[in-house]
Amino acid sequence: MEKTIKSFGRTELAQIYFPRLCPEAAWHKLRSWLKTNPHLSHLYELTRRTFTPAEVRLIYAELGEP
């Protein structure tokens, strides 16, 4: 059975990946990872502040689950 993946705010997801960084620094670091990954670079340009479950699944597939 596949794990249910929910939508995340971009800073919320960034802080899960980088819990020791402040929210802004965590988002900047995750954003730089998105920018340099060819499969995730389209997410770098998003202007909305949330990732859909499908986008989170893609991020997990490329970066690994936090």
PDB file of N, CA and C in Angstrom:
ATOM      1  N   MET A   1       0.842  -1.190   0.000  1.00  0.00           N
ATOM      2  CA  MET A   1       0.000   0.000   0.000  1.00  0.00           C
ATOM      3  C   MET A   1       0.883   1.250   0.000  1.00  0.00           C
ATOM      4  N   GLU A   2       0.616   2.158  -0.907  1.00  0.00           N
ATOM      5  CA  GLU A   2       1.423   3.375  -1.046  1.00  0.00           C
ATOM      6  C   GLU A   2       1.080   4.383   0.051  1.00  0.00           C
ATOM      7  N   LYS A   3       2.118   5.021   0.554  1.00  0.00           N
ATOM      8  CA  LYS A   3       1.960   6.039   1.591  1.00  0.00           C
ATOM      9  C   LYS A   3       1.233   7.254   1.004  1.00  0.00           C
ATOM     10  N   THR A   4       0.280   7.796   1.743  1.00  0.00           N
ATOM     11  CA  THR A   4      -0.429   8.991   1.312  1.00  0.00           C
ATOM     12  C   THR A   4       0.481  10.204   1.469  1.00  0.00           C
ATOM     13  N   ILE A   5       0.577  10.978   0.420  1.00  0.00           N
ATOM     14  CA  ILE A   5       1.406  12.179   0.440  1.00  0.00           C
ATOM     15  C   ILE A   5       0.486  13.380   0.360  1.00  0.00           C
ATOM     16  N   LYS A   6       0.708  14.333   1.254  1.00  0.00           N
ATOM     17  CA  LYS A   6      -0.148  15.523   1.303  1.00  0.00           C
ATOM     18  C   LYS A   6       0.557  16.703   0.642  1.00  0.00           C
ATOM     19  N   SER A   7      -0.176  17.775   0.446  1.00  0.00           N
ATOM     20  CA  SER A   7       0.442  19.002  -0.042  1.00  0.00           C
ATOM     21  C   SER A   7       1.196  19.654   1.116  1.00  0.00           C
ATOM     22  N   PHE A   8       2.208  20.431   0.773  1.00  0.00           N
ATOM     23  CA  PHE A   8       3.019  21.133   1.767  1.00  0.00           C
ATOM     24  C   PHE A   8       3.214  22.569   1.342  1.00  0.00           C
ATOM     25  N   GLY A   9       3.262  23.453   2.311  1.00  0.00           N
ATOM     26  CA  GLY A   9       3.753  24.790   2.051  1.00  0.00           C
ATOM     27  C   GLY A   9       5.230  24.675   1.717  1.00  0.00           C
ATOM     28  N   ARG A  10       5.720  25.550   0.881  1.00  0.00           N
ATOM     29  CA  ARG A  10       7.110  25.413   0.440  1.00  0.00           C
ATOM     30  C   ARG A  10       8.097  25.543   1.598  1.00  0.00           C
ATOM     31  N   THR A  11       7.851  26.459   2.518  1.00  0.00           N
ATOM     32  CA  THR A  11       8.747  26.620   3.663  1.00  0.00           C
ATOM     33  C   THR A  11       8.602  25.440   4.620  1.00  0.00           C
ATOM     34  N   GLU A  12       7.375  24.945   4.772  1.00  0.00           N
ATOM     35  CA  GLU A  12       7.135  23.784   5.633  1.00  0.00           C
ATOM     36  C   GLU A  12       7.940  22.582   5.140  1.00  0.00           C
ATOM     37  N   LEU A  13       7.894  22.321   3.840  1.00  0.00           N
ATOM     38  CA  LEU A  13       8.652  21.201   3.278  1.00  0.00           C
ATOM     39  C   LEU A  13      10.147  21.446   3.404  1.00  0.00           C
ATOM     40  N   ALA A  14      10.579  22.667   3.159  1.00  0.00           N
ATOM     41  CA  ALA A  14      12.004  22.996   3.273  1.00  0.00           C
ATOM     42  C   ALA A  14      12.499  22.746   4.693  1.00  0.00           C
ATOM     43  N   GLN A  15      11.695  23.092   5.684  1.00  0.00           N
ATOM     44  CA  GLN A  15      12.122  22.892   7.069  1.00  0.00           C
ATOM     45  C   GLN A  15      12.154  21.414   7.453  1.00  0.00           C
ATOM     46  N   ILE A  16      11.381  20.599   6.775  1.00  0.00           N
ATOM     47  CA  ILE A  16      11.456  19.163   7.017  1.00  0.00           C
ATOM     48  C   ILE A  16      12.791  18.628   6.486  1.00  0.00           C
ATOM     49  N   TYR A  17      13.226  19.133   5.338  1.00  0.00           N
ATOM     50  CA  TYR A  17      14.516  18.732   4.782  1.00  0.00           C
ATOM     51  C   TYR A  17      15.685  19.328   5.566  1.00  0.00           C
ATOM     52  N   PHE A  18      15.530  20.546   6.045  1.00  0.00           N
ATOM     53  CA  PHE A  18      16.625  21.254   6.722  1.00  0.00           C
ATOM     54  C   PHE A  18      16.154  21.795   8.072  1.00  0.00           C
ATOM     55  N   PRO A  19      15.925  20.917   9.044  1.00  0.00           N
ATOM     56  CA  PRO A  19      15.325  21.347  10.315  1.00  0.00           C
ATOM     57  C   PRO A  19      16.210  22.274  11.149  1.00  0.00           C
ATOM     58  N   ARG A  20      17.498  22.290  10.902  1.00  0.00           N
ATOM     59  CA  ARG A  20      18.383  23.134  11.712  1.00  0.00           C
ATOM     60  C   ARG A  20      18.526  24.550  11.165  1.00  0.00           C
ATOM     61  N   LEU A  21      17.946  24.802   9.994  1.00  0.00           N
ATOM     62  CA  LEU A  21      18.023  26.135   9.406  1.00  0.00           C
ATOM     63  C   LEU A  21      16.765  26.932   9.743  1.00  0.00           C
ATOM     64  N   CYS A  22      16.899  28.248   9.752  1.00  0.00           N
ATOM     65  CA  CYS A  22      15.713  29.084   9.936  1.00  0.00           C
ATOM     66  C   CYS A  22      14.828  28.912   8.696  1.00  0.00           C
ATOM     67  N   PRO A  23      13.541  29.225   8.791  1.00  0.00           N
ATOM     68  CA  PRO A  23      12.630  28.988   7.666  1.00  0.00           C
ATOM     69  C   PRO A  23      13.098  29.596   6.346  1.00  0.00           C
ATOM     70  N   GLU A  24      13.544  30.829   6.362  1.00  0.00           N
ATOM     71  CA  GLU A  24      13.967  31.477   5.119  1.00  0.00           C
ATOM     72  C   GLU A  24      15.187  30.789   4.512  1.00  0.00           C
ATOM     73  N   ALA A  25      16.167  30.458   5.345  1.00  0.00           N
ATOM     74  CA  ALA A  25      17.374  29.788   4.854  1.00  0.00           C
ATOM     75  C   ALA A  25      17.048  28.391   4.329  1.00  0.00           C
ATOM     76  N   ALA A  26      16.133  27.690   5.011  1.00  0.00           N
ATOM     77  CA  ALA A  26      15.729  26.360   4.555  1.00  0.00           C
ATOM     78  C   ALA A  26      15.074  26.442   3.178  1.00  0.00           C
ATOM     79  N   TRP A  27      14.196  27.425   2.983  1.00  0.00           N
ATOM     80  CA  TRP A  27      13.541  27.588   1.689  1.00  0.00           C
ATOM     81  C   TRP A  27      14.568  27.926   0.608  1.00  0.00           C
ATOM     82  N   HIS A  28      15.500  28.803   0.889  1.00  0.00           N
ATOM     83  CA  HIS A  28      16.521  29.161  -0.103  1.00  0.00           C
ATOM     84  C   HIS A  28      17.373  27.950  -0.495  1.00  0.00           C
ATOM     85  N   LYS A  29      17.685  27.112   0.474  1.00  0.00           N
ATOM     86  CA  LYS A  29      18.480  25.918   0.179  1.00  0.00           C
ATOM     87  C   LYS A  29      17.679  24.926  -0.662  1.00  0.00           C
ATOM     88  N   LEU A  30      16.418  24.668  -0.280  1.00  0.00           N
ATOM     89  CA  LEU A  30      15.596  23.757  -1.073  1.00  0.00           C
ATOM     90  C   LEU A  30      15.402  24.323  -2.478  1.00  0.00           C
ATOM     91  N   ARG A  31      15.174  25.599  -2.571  1.00  0.00           N
ATOM     92  CA  ARG A  31      14.986  26.244  -3.875  1.00  0.00           C
ATOM     93  C   ARG A  31      16.224  26.075  -4.752  1.00  0.00           C
ATOM     94  N   SER A  32      17.409  26.178  -4.173  1.00  0.00           N
ATOM     95  CA  SER A  32      18.635  25.991  -4.962  1.00  0.00           C
ATOM     96  C   SER A  32      18.755  24.544  -5.429  1.00  0.00           C
ATOM     97  N   TRP A  33      18.315  23.595  -4.605  1.00  0.00           N
ATOM     98  CA  TRP A  33      18.323  22.194  -5.032  1.00  0.00           C
ATOM     99  C   TRP A  33      17.354  21.979  -6.188  1.00  0.00           C
ATOM    100  N   LEU A  34      16.183  22.623  -6.108  1.00  0.00           N
ATOM    101  CA  LEU A  34      15.204  22.500  -7.193  1.00  0.00           C
ATOM    102  C   LEU A  34      15.768  23.068  -8.488  1.00  0.00           C
ATOM    103  N   LYS A  35      16.422  24.210  -8.394  1.00  0.00           N
ATOM    104  CA  LYS A  35      16.955  24.893  -9.569  1.00  0.00           C
ATOM    105  C   LYS A  35      18.005  24.056 -10.289  1.00  0.00           C
ATOM    106  N   THR A  36      18.837  23.341  -9.534  1.00  0.00           N
ATOM    107  CA  THR A  36      19.941  22.594 -10.143  1.00  0.00           C
ATOM    108  C   THR A  36      19.567  21.177 -10.568  1.00  0.00           C
ATOM    109  N   ASN A  37      18.390  20.715 -10.193  1.00  0.00           N
ATOM    110  CA  ASN A  37      17.962  19.369 -10.579  1.00  0.00           C
ATOM    111  C   ASN A  37      17.113  19.460 -11.844  1.00  0.00           C
ATOM    112  N   PRO A  38      17.557  18.816 -12.932  1.00  0.00           N
ATOM    113  CA  PRO A  38      16.813  18.934 -14.201  1.00  0.00           C
ATOM    114  C   PRO A  38      15.367  18.432 -14.131  1.00  0.00           C
ATOM    115  N   HIS A  39      15.077  17.489 -13.235  1.00  0.00           N
ATOM    116  CA  HIS A  39      13.710  16.967 -13.110  1.00  0.00           C
ATOM    117  C   HIS A  39      12.826  17.829 -12.212  1.00  0.00           C
ATOM    118  N   LEU A  40      13.444  18.741 -11.470  1.00  0.00           N
ATOM    119  CA  LEU A  40      12.690  19.584 -10.534  1.00  0.00           C
ATOM    120  C   LEU A  40      12.769  21.070 -10.860  1.00  0.00           C
ATOM    121  N   SER A  41      13.564  21.430 -11.857  1.00  0.00           N
ATOM    122  CA  SER A  41      13.806  22.853 -12.121  1.00  0.00           C
ATOM    123  C   SER A  41      12.529  23.626 -12.447  1.00  0.00           C
ATOM    124  N   HIS A  42      11.517  22.960 -12.993  1.00  0.00           N
ATOM    125  CA  HIS A  42      10.252  23.657 -13.272  1.00  0.00           C
ATOM    126  C   HIS A  42       9.570  24.116 -11.981  1.00  0.00           C
ATOM    127  N   LEU A  43       9.850  23.442 -10.865  1.00  0.00           N
ATOM    128  CA  LEU A  43       9.257  23.827  -9.582  1.00  0.00           C
ATOM    129  C   LEU A  43       9.917  25.076  -9.012  1.00  0.00           C
ATOM    130  N   TYR A  44      11.127  25.353  -9.449  1.00  0.00           N
ATOM    131  CA  TYR A  44      11.869  26.536  -9.004  1.00  0.00           C
ATOM    132  C   TYR A  44      11.139  27.820  -9.382  1.00  0.00           C
ATOM    133  N   GLU A  45      10.470  27.805 -10.518  1.00  0.00           N
ATOM    134  CA  GLU A  45       9.810  28.994 -11.054  1.00  0.00           C
ATOM    135  C   GLU A  45       8.413  29.248 -10.486  1.00  0.00           C
ATOM    136  N   LEU A  46       7.877  28.325  -9.706  1.00  0.00           N
ATOM    137  CA  LEU A  46       6.515  28.487  -9.198  1.00  0.00           C
ATOM    138  C   LEU A  46       6.383  29.743  -8.335  1.00  0.00           C
ATOM    139  N   THR A  47       5.266  30.418  -8.474  1.00  0.00           N
ATOM    140  CA  THR A  47       5.021  31.603  -7.654  1.00  0.00           C
ATOM    141  C   THR A  47       4.081  31.306  -6.484  1.00  0.00           C
ATOM    142  N   ARG A  48       3.358  30.178  -6.556  1.00  0.00           N
ATOM    143  CA  ARG A  48       2.486  29.842  -5.423  1.00  0.00           C
ATOM    144  C   ARG A  48       3.329  29.309  -4.278  1.00  0.00           C
ATOM    145  N   ARG A  49       2.757  29.306  -3.107  1.00  0.00           N
ATOM    146  CA  ARG A  49       3.509  28.970  -1.893  1.00  0.00           C
ATOM    147  C   ARG A  49       3.286  27.542  -1.416  1.00  0.00           C
ATOM    148  N   THR A  50       2.681  26.707  -2.248  1.00  0.00           N
ATOM    149  CA  THR A  50       2.450  25.315  -1.865  1.00  0.00           C
ATOM    150  C   THR A  50       2.887  24.375  -2.977  1.00  0.00           C
ATOM    151  N   PHE A  51       3.215  23.166  -2.566  1.00  0.00           N
ATOM    152  CA  PHE A  51       3.475  22.081  -3.509  1.00  0.00           C
ATOM    153  C   PHE A  51       2.306  21.111  -3.416  1.00  0.00           C
ATOM    154  N   THR A  52       1.813  20.672  -4.560  1.00  0.00           N
ATOM    155  CA  THR A  52       0.727  19.693  -4.605  1.00  0.00           C
ATOM    156  C   THR A  52       1.274  18.324  -4.193  1.00  0.00           C
ATOM    157  N   PRO A  53       0.388  17.382  -3.855  1.00  0.00           N
ATOM    158  CA  PRO A  53       0.871  16.032  -3.540  1.00  0.00           C
ATOM    159  C   PRO A  53       1.705  15.423  -4.686  1.00  0.00           C
ATOM    160  N   ALA A  54       1.318  15.663  -5.920  1.00  0.00           N
ATOM    161  CA  ALA A  54       2.088  15.132  -7.054  1.00  0.00           C
ATOM    162  C   ALA A  54       3.487  15.748  -7.102  1.00  0.00           C
ATOM    163  N   GLU A  55       3.581  17.038  -6.811  1.00  0.00           N
ATOM    164  CA  GLU A  55       4.890  17.703  -6.800  1.00  0.00           C
ATOM    165  C   GLU A  55       5.744  17.203  -5.636  1.00  0.00           C
ATOM    166  N   VAL A  56       5.116  16.992  -4.482  1.00  0.00           N
ATOM    167  CA  VAL A  56       5.845  16.461  -3.328  1.00  0.00           C
ATOM    168  C   VAL A  56       6.359  15.065  -3.648  1.00  0.00           C
ATOM    169  N   ARG A  57       5.542  14.243  -4.288  1.00  0.00           N
ATOM    170  CA  ARG A  57       5.950  12.888  -4.679  1.00  0.00           C
ATOM    171  C   ARG A  57       7.160  12.958  -5.611  1.00  0.00           C
ATOM    172  N   LEU A  58       7.152  13.898  -6.545  1.00  0.00           N
ATOM    173  CA  LEU A  58       8.277  14.065  -7.461  1.00  0.00           C
ATOM    174  C   LEU A  58       9.536  14.511  -6.711  1.00  0.00           C
ATOM    175  N   ILE A  59       9.384  15.439  -5.796  1.00  0.00           N
ATOM    176  CA  ILE A  59      10.519  15.908  -4.982  1.00  0.00           C
ATOM    177  C   ILE A  59      11.094  14.742  -4.181  1.00  0.00           C
ATOM    178  N   TYR A  60      10.225  13.945  -3.556  1.00  0.00           N
ATOM    179  CA  TYR A  60      10.679  12.781  -2.784  1.00  0.00           C
ATOM    180  C   TYR A  60      11.418  11.799  -3.690  1.00  0.00           C
ATOM    181  N   ALA A  61      10.902  11.588  -4.898  1.00  0.00           N
ATOM    182  CA  ALA A  61      11.538  10.645  -5.819  1.00  0.00           C
ATOM    183  C   ALA A  61      12.935  11.098  -6.217  1.00  0.00           C
ATOM    184  N   GLU A  62      13.108  12.387  -6.376  1.00  0.00           N
ATOM    185  CA  GLU A  62      14.406  12.926  -6.810  1.00  0.00           C
ATOM    186  C   GLU A  62      15.382  13.145  -5.656  1.00  0.00           C
ATOM    187  N   LEU A  63      14.888  13.653  -4.521  1.00  0.00           N
ATOM    188  CA  LEU A  63      15.772  14.025  -3.406  1.00  0.00           C
ATOM    189  C   LEU A  63      15.768  12.989  -2.288  1.00  0.00           C
ATOM    190  N   GLY A  64      14.826  12.066  -2.322  1.00  0.00           N
ATOM    191  CA  GLY A  64      14.654  11.139  -1.219  1.00  0.00           C
ATOM    192  C   GLY A  64      13.714  11.745  -0.190  1.00  0.00           C
ATOM    193  N   GLU A  65      13.057  10.890   0.559  1.00  0.00           N
ATOM    194  CA  GLU A  65      12.169  11.407   1.603  1.00  0.00           C
ATOM    195  C   GLU A  65      13.014  11.986   2.719  1.00  0.00           C
ATOM    196  N   PRO A  66      12.579  13.120   3.251  1.00  0.00           N
ATOM    197  CA  PRO A  66      13.365  13.734   4.331  1.00  0.00           C
ATOM    198  C   PRO A  66      13.345  12.881   5.601  1.00  0.00           C
TER     199      PRO A  66
END
